[in-house]
Protein backbone atom coordinates (compact mmCIF):
# COMPACT_ATOMS: atom_id res chain seq x y z
CA MET A 1 -11.05 2.78 -10.87
CA THR A 2 -10.24 6.02 -12.58
CA PRO A 3 -6.68 7.07 -13.35
CA GLU A 4 -7.10 9.98 -10.93
CA ALA A 5 -7.98 7.58 -8.12
CA ALA A 6 -4.94 5.43 -8.88
CA VAL A 7 -2.71 8.50 -8.88
CA GLN A 8 -4.22 9.58 -5.57
CA ILE A 9 -3.54 6.17 -3.98
CA ILE A 10 0.06 6.18 -5.21
CA ARG A 11 0.52 9.77 -4.04
CA GLU A 12 -0.74 8.93 -0.55
CA ALA A 13 1.53 5.88 -0.39
CA LEU A 14 4.59 7.90 -1.39
CA LEU A 15 3.77 10.67 1.08
CA ALA A 16 3.33 8.10 3.86
CA ALA A 17 6.66 6.47 3.01
CA PHE A 18 8.38 9.86 2.92
CA GLY A 19 6.80 10.85 6.22
CA LEU A 20 7.98 7.67 7.88
CA ALA A 21 11.52 7.82 6.48
CA ALA A 22 12.14 11.56 6.90
CA PRO A 23 12.89 11.60 10.67
CA LEU A 24 15.42 8.79 10.38
CA LEU A 25 17.03 10.40 7.35
CA LEU A 26 17.32 13.69 9.23
CA ILE A 27 18.95 11.91 12.17
CA GLY A 28 21.45 10.27 9.83
CA PHE A 29 22.12 13.56 8.06
CA GLY A 30 22.67 15.43 11.30
CA VAL A 31 24.98 12.82 12.80
CA GLY A 32 26.87 12.54 9.50
CA ILE A 33 27.49 16.29 9.39
CA VAL A 34 28.68 16.35 13.01
CA MET A 35 30.97 13.36 12.50
CA ASN A 36 32.42 14.86 9.32
CA LEU A 37 33.14 18.10 11.16
CA VAL A 38 34.89 16.13 13.91
CA GLN A 39 36.90 14.24 11.30
CA VAL A 40 37.94 17.47 9.60
CA ALA A 41 38.89 19.07 12.92
CA THR A 42 40.96 16.07 14.05
CA SER A 43 42.28 14.99 10.62
CA LEU A 44 41.05 11.49 11.37
CA GLN A 45 40.06 9.67 8.18
CA ASP A 46 38.92 6.32 9.55
CA SER A 47 35.66 5.20 7.89
CA ALA A 48 34.54 3.23 10.94
CA PHE A 49 34.77 6.42 13.01
CA SER A 50 31.88 7.97 11.07
CA THR A 51 29.93 4.78 10.35
CA PHE A 52 29.47 3.46 13.88
CA PRO A 53 27.96 6.65 15.40
CA ARG A 54 25.65 7.02 12.40
CA LEU A 55 24.41 3.44 12.78
CA ALA A 56 24.00 3.89 16.54
CA ALA A 57 21.99 7.09 15.96
CA PHE A 58 19.79 5.31 13.41
CA LEU A 59 19.16 2.48 15.87
CA ALA A 60 18.38 4.86 18.74
CA GLY A 61 16.12 6.96 16.52
CA PHE A 62 14.38 3.88 15.20
CA ILE A 63 13.73 2.57 18.71
CA LEU A 64 12.51 5.95 19.96
CA LEU A 65 10.36 6.68 16.91
CA MET A 66 8.92 3.18 16.51
CA PRO A 67 5.64 3.87 18.41
CA TRP A 68 5.01 7.01 16.35
CA MET A 69 5.93 5.23 13.11
CA LEU A 70 3.61 2.33 13.90
CA LYS A 71 0.76 4.72 14.70
CA GLN A 72 1.28 6.53 11.38
CA LEU A 73 1.47 3.25 9.45
CA VAL A 74 -1.65 1.86 11.12
CA SER A 75 -3.63 5.02 10.42
CA TYR A 76 -2.54 4.95 6.76
CA THR A 77 -3.45 1.26 6.47
CA VAL A 78 -6.86 1.81 8.06
CA GLY A 79 -7.46 4.67 5.65
CA VAL A 80 -6.55 2.51 2.67
CA PHE A 81 -8.76 -0.36 3.83
CA THR A 82 -11.62 2.05 4.48
CA ALA A 83 -11.27 3.51 0.99
CA ILE A 84 -11.23 0.10 -0.74
CA ALA A 85 -14.99 0.16 -1.10
CA LYS A 86 -14.79 3.61 -2.66
CA TYR A 87 -12.06 2.63 -5.13
CA GLY A 88 -13.32 -0.90 -5.76
CA HIS A 89 -16.26 -0.14 -7.99
């Protein structure tokens, strides 16, 4: 295996991980911004007030995005297994 091939495999793995994590991170970011704005507007500084909605949004997003995430992960895995013969020699 050439160094370029190894770099390509690692690059594809990192891009796949980023692509799978990005929607959930965006959900958490969006809910965090909204909850912080609500906290500033109401002068409420309870940490549980911002943590619980963020966790609930992550859970809802994870449940809703799970079929898409599994499809992406399966297609990446099939691509890696298909390319094993190419990278193996």
